[in-house]
Amino acid sequence: MPSTDKRVPALKRARRFARYCLLRALYAAASLLPLNVAMALGRSIAGLGMCVPKLRRKVLANLATAYPELGDGERERIARACFEHFGNFIGEVCRIEAITRDIEGYVELSPEDRARYEGAIAEGQGVLLATGHVGNFELMARRLGLIGHPASVVAKVSSDPHMTAFIDRLRRRGGYNIIWRGRERGAAFDGLNRALDRGEAIGLLIDQDTRGRGLFVDFFGKPAHTQRGIADLAIERGCPVITAFIHRKPEGGHVVVVERVAVERTGDRERDVAQLLQTLTLSVERAIRRDPGAWPWFHERWKHLPPPAVTSGEAVAATSASAAVVGSPTGAPSAVTPHDAPSEPPCDSPSPS
């Protein structure tokens, strides 16, 4: 596990440690509450996000980008649902050890979905599982991890090594390992390849605009920079690819949905990578559209813009001819030009600095 960065000033390290101690204390206190109380408390605190002008404007602006056809009132409703979901998420994570005792009852996984997951693992080549920050993805990881098959997720190292260690312990108790990203260039990809060599299922969250070499593909009809690592690995290694998403049930609890993804390998690497990445991104979009409030709209998904040459008619037409995607609203990724940043696999949400 990564150690403390000695280059960080002592005062900053002290502030981070104080923040860690506060979060650990709050986590410990909330873990003693009944689940419904912990979730209600989480909703009350998270709901205050709508009272922070800058945060509220960011959420509503992103919703306007994704849902231009909706009125202000409906986007406001989704924004409030987003913060409510975040509160429920925090409450459940604080009570995750208690939930784990009845994880099969609280997080439904149908025999058909389990068969798709285990069938991909049974092929013995390792499995790439694409997902997003949709619903309580921590519970989904634990539900799949506790089935018993070796599994790992990619996660970004926290700026505070104490927080990294805490997250590592929490997730390993859920039956899966962590491939840490963010310290040594290329180390995460090496870890991914070793895990696939062992036949593990690797979970990667692909719905954030983070640093890394990627492609611009359509997300809610607008080009969004998306890390390409999962598609590169799938095309290079020929291992099975699946998607998995978790959705909250109206009556309480959750349900996990697993789908196998058809991967076309034509020999044209860039075309195949672009097509697969667009297909996976559209799967994330469909999962979000099923319950728009269960996604973090405060994330700047369209932070990076494609280069002008990519958005020109000539570039888009060329992409359409070489990387058409069945089922895409526009027929193709918006661009296949790599973003100018170091290559890294996708991971979960960025940690606080």
Protein backbone atom coordinates (compact mmCIF):
# COMPACT_ATOMS: atom_id res chain seq x y z
CA MET A 1 0.00 0.00 0.00
CA PRO A 2 1.32 3.51 -0.79
CA SER A 3 3.05 5.27 2.08
CA THR A 4 2.97 8.88 3.22
CA ASP A 5 4.32 11.38 0.70
CA LYS A 6 7.13 13.10 2.61
CA ARG A 7 7.00 16.02 0.19
CA VAL A 8 3.68 17.15 1.67
CA PRO A 9 4.22 19.93 4.25
CA ALA A 10 3.80 18.83 7.87
CA LEU A 11 0.93 21.27 8.49
CA LYS A 12 -1.02 19.92 5.52
CA ARG A 13 -0.42 16.35 6.67
CA ALA A 14 -1.70 17.33 10.11
CA ARG A 15 -4.88 18.84 8.65
CA ARG A 16 -5.48 15.70 6.63
CA PHE A 17 -4.98 13.52 9.68
CA ALA A 18 -7.40 15.66 11.69
CA ARG A 19 -9.97 15.32 8.93
CA TYR A 20 -9.41 11.57 8.88
CA CYS A 21 -9.93 11.34 12.65
CA LEU A 22 -13.16 13.33 12.38
CA LEU A 23 -14.49 11.13 9.58
CA ARG A 24 -13.54 7.96 11.46
CA ALA A 25 -15.32 9.22 14.57
CA LEU A 26 -18.46 10.07 12.58
CA TYR A 27 -18.31 6.70 10.84
CA ALA A 28 -17.97 4.87 14.15
CA ALA A 29 -20.90 6.79 15.66
CA ALA A 30 -23.16 6.25 12.64
CA SER A 31 -22.30 2.55 12.55
CA LEU A 32 -24.04 2.16 15.93
CA LEU A 33 -27.33 3.59 14.66
CA PRO A 34 -30.18 1.55 13.18
CA LEU A 35 -29.95 1.53 9.39
CA ASN A 36 -33.05 3.66 8.81
CA VAL A 37 -31.79 6.25 11.30
CA ALA A 38 -28.31 6.34 9.73
CA MET A 39 -29.86 6.83 6.29
CA ALA A 40 -32.23 9.55 7.53
CA LEU A 41 -29.30 11.36 9.16
CA GLY A 42 -27.31 11.03 5.96
CA ARG A 43 -30.17 12.49 3.92
CA SER A 44 -30.51 15.43 6.33
CA ILE A 45 -26.83 16.29 6.07
CA ALA A 46 -26.48 15.68 2.33
CA GLY A 47 -29.63 17.68 1.64
CA LEU A 48 -27.79 20.77 2.80
CA GLY A 49 -25.86 20.57 -0.47
CA MET A 50 -28.81 22.24 -2.20
CA CYS A 51 -28.22 25.22 0.08
CA VAL A 52 -24.64 25.71 -1.18
CA PRO A 53 -25.03 28.04 -4.19
CA LYS A 54 -21.93 26.95 -6.09
CA LEU A 55 -22.68 23.25 -5.65
CA ARG A 56 -26.34 23.70 -6.53
CA ARG A 57 -25.47 25.62 -9.71
CA LYS A 58 -23.01 22.93 -10.77
CA VAL A 59 -25.57 20.14 -10.32
CA LEU A 60 -28.29 22.02 -12.18
CA ALA A 61 -25.88 22.98 -14.98
CA ASN A 62 -24.87 19.35 -15.50
CA LEU A 63 -28.52 18.28 -15.49
CA ALA A 64 -29.27 20.95 -18.09
CA THR A 65 -26.52 19.47 -20.27
CA ALA A 66 -27.83 15.93 -19.89
CA TYR A 67 -31.55 16.70 -19.96
CA PRO A 68 -32.09 19.86 -22.04
CA GLU A 69 -35.65 18.74 -22.74
CA LEU A 70 -36.67 18.93 -19.07
CA GLY A 71 -38.03 22.00 -17.36
CA ASP A 72 -36.36 23.74 -14.43
CA GLY A 73 -38.74 22.15 -11.95
CA GLU A 74 -37.99 18.60 -13.03
CA ARG A 75 -34.22 19.21 -13.02
CA GLU A 76 -34.58 20.68 -9.53
CA ARG A 77 -36.38 17.49 -8.44
CA ILE A 78 -33.57 15.30 -9.81
CA ALA A 79 -30.98 17.51 -8.09
CA ARG A 80 -32.70 17.03 -4.73
CA ALA A 81 -32.93 13.29 -5.38
CA CYS A 82 -29.19 13.27 -6.11
CA PHE A 83 -28.36 14.68 -2.68
CA GLU A 84 -30.90 12.38 -1.04
CA HIS A 85 -29.28 9.41 -2.75
CA PHE A 86 -25.87 10.52 -1.51
CA GLY A 87 -27.21 10.66 2.03
CA ASN A 88 -28.68 7.17 1.74
CA PHE A 89 -25.37 5.98 0.28
CA ILE A 90 -23.39 7.32 3.25
CA GLY A 91 -25.86 5.87 5.76
CA GLU A 92 -25.63 2.43 4.17
CA VAL A 93 -21.84 2.51 3.98
CA CYS A 94 -21.68 3.36 7.69
CA ARG A 95 -23.85 0.31 8.40
CA ILE A 96 -22.25 -1.91 5.77
CA GLU A 97 -20.94 -4.46 8.25
CA ALA A 98 -24.45 -5.02 9.61
CA ILE A 99 -25.90 -5.12 6.09
CA THR A 100 -23.31 -7.73 5.13
CA ARG A 101 -24.85 -10.21 7.58
CA ASP A 102 -27.89 -10.34 5.28
CA ILE A 103 -26.30 -9.11 2.07
CA GLU A 104 -28.14 -11.65 -0.06
CA GLY A 105 -31.47 -10.39 1.24
CA TYR A 106 -30.63 -6.69 1.08
CA VAL A 107 -28.93 -6.76 -2.33
CA GLU A 108 -30.79 -9.00 -4.77
CA LEU A 109 -28.84 -10.88 -7.42
CA SER A 110 -31.10 -13.06 -9.56
CA PRO A 111 -29.96 -16.56 -10.59
CA GLU A 112 -29.74 -15.32 -14.20
CA ASP A 113 -27.52 -12.35 -13.31
CA ARG A 114 -25.32 -14.49 -11.08
CA ALA A 115 -25.00 -17.02 -13.89
CA ARG A 116 -23.79 -14.30 -16.27
CA TYR A 117 -21.18 -13.19 -13.72
CA GLU A 118 -19.97 -16.68 -12.87
CA GLY A 119 -20.14 -17.81 -16.48
CA ALA A 120 -17.71 -15.08 -17.52
CA ILE A 121 -15.34 -16.01 -14.67
CA ALA A 122 -15.54 -19.70 -15.61
CA GLU A 123 -13.91 -18.95 -18.96
CA GLY A 124 -10.65 -18.60 -17.06
CA GLN A 125 -9.30 -15.51 -18.82
CA GLY A 126 -10.20 -12.99 -16.16
CA VAL A 127 -13.17 -10.66 -16.46
CA LEU A 128 -13.42 -6.91 -17.04
CA LEU A 129 -16.50 -5.55 -15.25
CA ALA A 130 -17.51 -2.05 -16.33
CA THR A 131 -19.73 0.00 -14.07
CA GLY A 132 -20.26 3.55 -12.87
CA HIS A 133 -21.08 5.58 -9.78
CA VAL A 134 -24.72 4.56 -10.16
CA GLY A 135 -26.61 3.66 -6.99
CA ASN A 136 -24.70 2.22 -4.05
CA PHE A 137 -21.82 0.70 -5.98
CA GLU A 138 -20.04 -0.13 -2.70
CA LEU A 139 -22.84 -2.55 -1.82
CA MET A 140 -22.72 -4.03 -5.31
CA ALA A 141 -18.99 -4.67 -5.01
CA ARG A 142 -19.52 -6.36 -1.66
CA ARG A 143 -22.42 -8.47 -2.95
CA LEU A 144 -20.35 -9.75 -5.88
CA GLY A 145 -17.15 -10.00 -3.86
CA LEU A 146 -18.71 -12.23 -1.22
CA ILE A 147 -19.81 -14.80 -3.81
CA GLY A 148 -16.30 -16.15 -3.37
CA HIS A 149 -14.57 -15.70 -6.71
CA PRO A 150 -11.32 -13.68 -6.68
CA ALA A 151 -12.08 -10.06 -7.56
CA SER A 152 -10.42 -6.65 -7.46
CA VAL A 153 -11.35 -3.04 -8.07
CA VAL A 154 -9.22 -0.11 -9.17
CA ALA A 155 -9.18 2.81 -6.73
CA LYS A 156 -7.30 6.08 -6.54
CA VAL A 157 -4.93 6.52 -3.63
CA SER A 158 -6.20 9.08 -1.12
CA SER A 159 -4.08 12.12 -0.35
CA ASP A 160 -4.12 10.86 3.26
CA PRO A 161 -2.44 7.46 3.75
CA HIS A 162 -4.58 6.83 6.84
CA MET A 163 -7.72 7.19 4.72
CA THR A 164 -6.21 4.92 2.07
CA ALA A 165 -5.56 2.27 4.71
CA PHE A 166 -9.10 2.59 6.09
CA ILE A 167 -10.67 2.22 2.65
CA ASP A 168 -8.40 -0.73 1.94
CA ARG A 169 -9.52 -2.55 5.11
CA LEU A 170 -13.19 -1.74 4.52
CA ARG A 171 -13.19 -3.08 0.98
CA ARG A 172 -11.08 -6.16 1.67
CA ARG A 173 -13.63 -7.19 4.28
CA GLY A 174 -16.09 -7.15 1.39
CA GLY A 175 -14.29 -10.03 -0.29
CA TYR A 176 -12.28 -8.18 -2.93
CA ASN A 177 -8.85 -6.63 -3.35
CA ILE A 178 -7.84 -3.15 -4.44
CA ILE A 179 -5.45 -2.22 -7.22
CA TRP A 180 -4.25 1.21 -6.17
CA ARG A 181 -3.80 3.91 -8.78
CA GLY A 182 -2.00 7.22 -8.53
CA ARG A 183 1.56 6.77 -7.29
CA GLU A 184 3.78 4.95 -9.78
CA ARG A 185 3.19 5.34 -13.49
CA GLY A 186 2.09 2.07 -15.03
CA ALA A 187 1.82 0.21 -11.70
CA ALA A 188 -1.96 -0.02 -11.85
CA PHE A 189 -1.92 -1.52 -15.35
CA ASP A 190 0.68 -4.04 -14.23
CA GLY A 191 -1.57 -4.95 -11.32
CA LEU A 192 -4.55 -5.29 -13.63
CA ASN A 193 -2.70 -7.63 -15.95
CA ARG A 194 -1.47 -9.79 -13.08
CA ALA A 195 -5.00 -10.03 -11.67
CA LEU A 196 -6.39 -11.01 -15.07
CA ASP A 197 -3.64 -13.62 -15.39
CA ARG A 198 -4.98 -15.10 -12.15
CA GLY A 199 -8.49 -15.20 -13.60
CA GLU A 200 -9.90 -12.46 -11.37
CA ALA A 201 -12.89 -10.25 -12.08
CA ILE A 202 -11.78 -6.61 -12.23
CA GLY A 203 -14.27 -3.84 -11.52
CA LEU A 204 -13.65 -0.48 -13.21
CA LEU A 205 -15.78 2.65 -12.92
CA ILE A 206 -15.72 4.43 -16.26
CA ASP A 207 -18.07 7.39 -15.79
CA GLN A 208 -15.77 10.18 -14.62
CA ASP A 209 -13.61 12.73 -16.41
CA THR A 210 -10.31 11.98 -14.68
CA ARG A 211 -6.68 12.24 -15.69
CA GLY A 212 -5.58 9.61 -18.12
CA ARG A 213 -5.29 8.76 -21.78
CA GLY A 214 -8.77 8.46 -23.19
CA LEU A 215 -11.27 9.04 -25.95
CA PHE A 216 -14.17 11.40 -26.37
CA VAL A 217 -17.34 9.34 -26.66
CA ASP A 218 -20.98 10.37 -26.48
CA PHE A 219 -22.49 10.60 -23.01
CA PHE A 220 -26.01 12.03 -22.93
CA GLY A 221 -25.43 13.23 -26.49
CA LYS A 222 -22.32 15.29 -25.72
CA PRO A 223 -18.63 14.32 -26.13
CA ALA A 224 -17.19 13.24 -22.78
CA HIS A 225 -13.57 12.35 -22.12
CA THR A 226 -13.52 8.69 -21.05
CA GLN A 227 -10.50 6.65 -20.02
CA ARG A 228 -9.81 3.95 -22.54
CA GLY A 229 -7.93 1.45 -20.35
CA ILE A 230 -10.75 -1.07 -20.03
CA ALA A 231 -11.27 -1.18 -23.80
CA ASP A 232 -7.54 -1.48 -24.47
CA LEU A 233 -7.29 -4.43 -22.09
CA ALA A 234 -10.35 -6.14 -23.55
CA ILE A 235 -9.09 -5.86 -27.12
CA GLU A 236 -5.52 -6.86 -26.25
CA ARG A 237 -6.31 -9.80 -24.02
CA GLY A 238 -9.57 -11.12 -25.45
CA CYS A 239 -11.07 -11.59 -21.99
CA PRO A 240 -14.85 -11.38 -21.43
CA VAL A 241 -16.44 -8.03 -20.65
CA ILE A 242 -19.57 -7.55 -18.55
CA THR A 243 -21.45 -4.60 -17.08
CA ALA A 244 -23.01 -4.53 -13.62
CA PHE A 245 -25.20 -1.86 -12.05
CA ILE A 246 -27.11 -1.61 -8.81
CA HIS A 247 -30.53 0.02 -8.44
CA ARG A 248 -32.52 0.84 -5.34
CA LYS A 249 -35.87 -0.97 -5.08
CA PRO A 250 -38.96 1.08 -4.13
CA GLU A 251 -39.76 -1.33 -1.30
CA GLY A 252 -36.22 -1.12 0.11
CA GLY A 253 -32.95 -2.81 -0.63
CA HIS A 254 -31.29 -3.07 -4.02
CA VAL A 255 -31.04 -5.20 -7.13
CA VAL A 256 -27.91 -5.88 -9.19
CA VAL A 257 -28.18 -6.27 -12.96
CA VAL A 258 -25.39 -8.02 -14.90
CA GLU A 259 -25.09 -8.09 -18.71
CA ARG A 260 -22.56 -9.67 -21.05
CA VAL A 261 -21.07 -7.26 -23.59
CA ALA A 262 -20.33 -8.39 -27.13
CA VAL A 263 -16.80 -7.31 -28.07
CA GLU A 264 -15.99 -6.96 -31.76
CA ARG A 265 -12.37 -7.53 -32.73
CA THR A 266 -11.85 -6.66 -36.39
CA GLY A 267 -8.09 -6.19 -36.31
CA ASP A 268 -8.48 -2.40 -36.48
CA ARG A 269 -7.42 -1.66 -32.91
CA GLU A 270 -8.47 1.98 -32.66
CA ARG A 271 -11.85 1.29 -34.21
CA ASP A 272 -12.49 -1.65 -31.87
CA VAL A 273 -11.40 0.27 -28.78
CA ALA A 274 -13.58 3.26 -29.70
CA GLN A 275 -16.58 1.07 -30.42
CA LEU A 276 -16.31 -0.84 -27.15
CA LEU A 277 -15.77 2.29 -25.08
CA GLN A 278 -18.85 3.89 -26.64
CA THR A 279 -20.90 0.75 -25.99
CA LEU A 280 -19.87 0.66 -22.33
CA THR A 281 -20.51 4.38 -21.87
CA LEU A 282 -23.99 3.99 -23.30
CA SER A 283 -24.61 1.20 -20.78
CA VAL A 284 -23.74 3.63 -17.99
CA GLU A 285 -26.05 6.23 -19.51
CA ARG A 286 -28.94 3.77 -19.66
CA ALA A 287 -28.39 2.84 -16.02
CA ILE A 288 -28.47 6.52 -15.03
CA ARG A 289 -31.61 7.19 -17.05
CA ARG A 290 -33.33 4.39 -15.13
CA ASP A 291 -32.93 6.47 -11.94
CA PRO A 292 -31.37 9.89 -12.70
CA GLY A 293 -31.17 10.90 -9.04
CA ALA A 294 -28.84 8.00 -8.21
CA TRP A 295 -25.77 9.49 -9.93
CA PRO A 296 -23.37 12.23 -8.66
CA TRP A 297 -24.36 15.18 -10.81
CA PHE A 298 -21.90 17.36 -8.89
CA HIS A 299 -19.10 15.65 -10.85
CA GLU A 300 -17.86 17.65 -13.86
CA ARG A 301 -18.34 14.91 -16.43
CA TRP A 302 -17.80 17.26 -19.37
CA LYS A 303 -14.84 19.12 -17.87
CA HIS A 304 -12.50 18.51 -20.80
CA LEU A 305 -13.58 19.50 -24.28
CA PRO A 306 -12.46 17.77 -27.47
CA PRO A 307 -9.92 19.62 -29.64
CA PRO A 308 -11.48 21.85 -32.33
CA ALA A 309 -10.31 19.48 -35.08
CA VAL A 310 -12.25 16.67 -33.46
CA THR A 311 -15.51 18.59 -33.29
CA SER A 312 -15.33 19.63 -36.93
CA GLY A 313 -17.60 17.92 -39.43
CA GLU A 314 -14.68 16.26 -41.19
CA ALA A 315 -13.34 14.62 -38.02
CA VAL A 316 -16.74 13.36 -36.89
CA ALA A 317 -17.49 11.99 -40.35
CA ALA A 318 -14.17 10.15 -40.43
CA THR A 319 -14.86 8.65 -37.02
CA SER A 320 -18.31 7.55 -38.10
CA ALA A 321 -16.87 5.74 -41.07
CA SER A 322 -14.24 3.86 -39.06
CA ALA A 323 -15.91 3.34 -35.67
CA ALA A 324 -19.66 3.13 -36.04
CA VAL A 325 -21.42 1.81 -32.94
CA VAL A 326 -24.69 -0.06 -33.14
CA GLY A 327 -27.18 1.55 -30.79
CA SER A 328 -25.31 4.83 -30.37
CA PRO A 329 -27.53 7.93 -30.68
CA THR A 330 -25.06 9.44 -33.10
CA GLY A 331 -23.75 6.22 -34.62
CA ALA A 332 -20.17 6.69 -33.45
CA PRO A 333 -17.90 8.07 -30.79
CA SER A 334 -17.53 11.82 -31.06
CA ALA A 335 -13.76 11.43 -31.30
CA VAL A 336 -11.01 8.91 -31.17
CA THR A 337 -8.25 11.38 -30.41
CA PRO A 338 -6.36 10.55 -27.19
CA HIS A 339 -6.55 13.16 -24.45
CA ASP A 340 -3.13 14.55 -23.64
CA ALA A 341 -2.54 12.97 -20.23
CA PRO A 342 -0.73 9.98 -18.72
CA SER A 343 -2.23 6.56 -19.32
CA GLU A 344 -4.09 5.13 -16.32
CA PRO A 345 -6.98 2.70 -15.87
CA PRO A 346 -10.31 4.10 -14.77
CA CYS A 347 -11.08 4.02 -11.08
CA ASP A 348 -13.52 5.17 -8.47
CA SER A 349 -14.05 8.76 -7.45
CA PRO A 350 -11.13 11.06 -6.83
CA SER A 351 -10.11 11.31 -3.22
CA PRO A 352 -10.05 14.55 -1.27
CA SER A 353 -6.86 16.54 -1.39
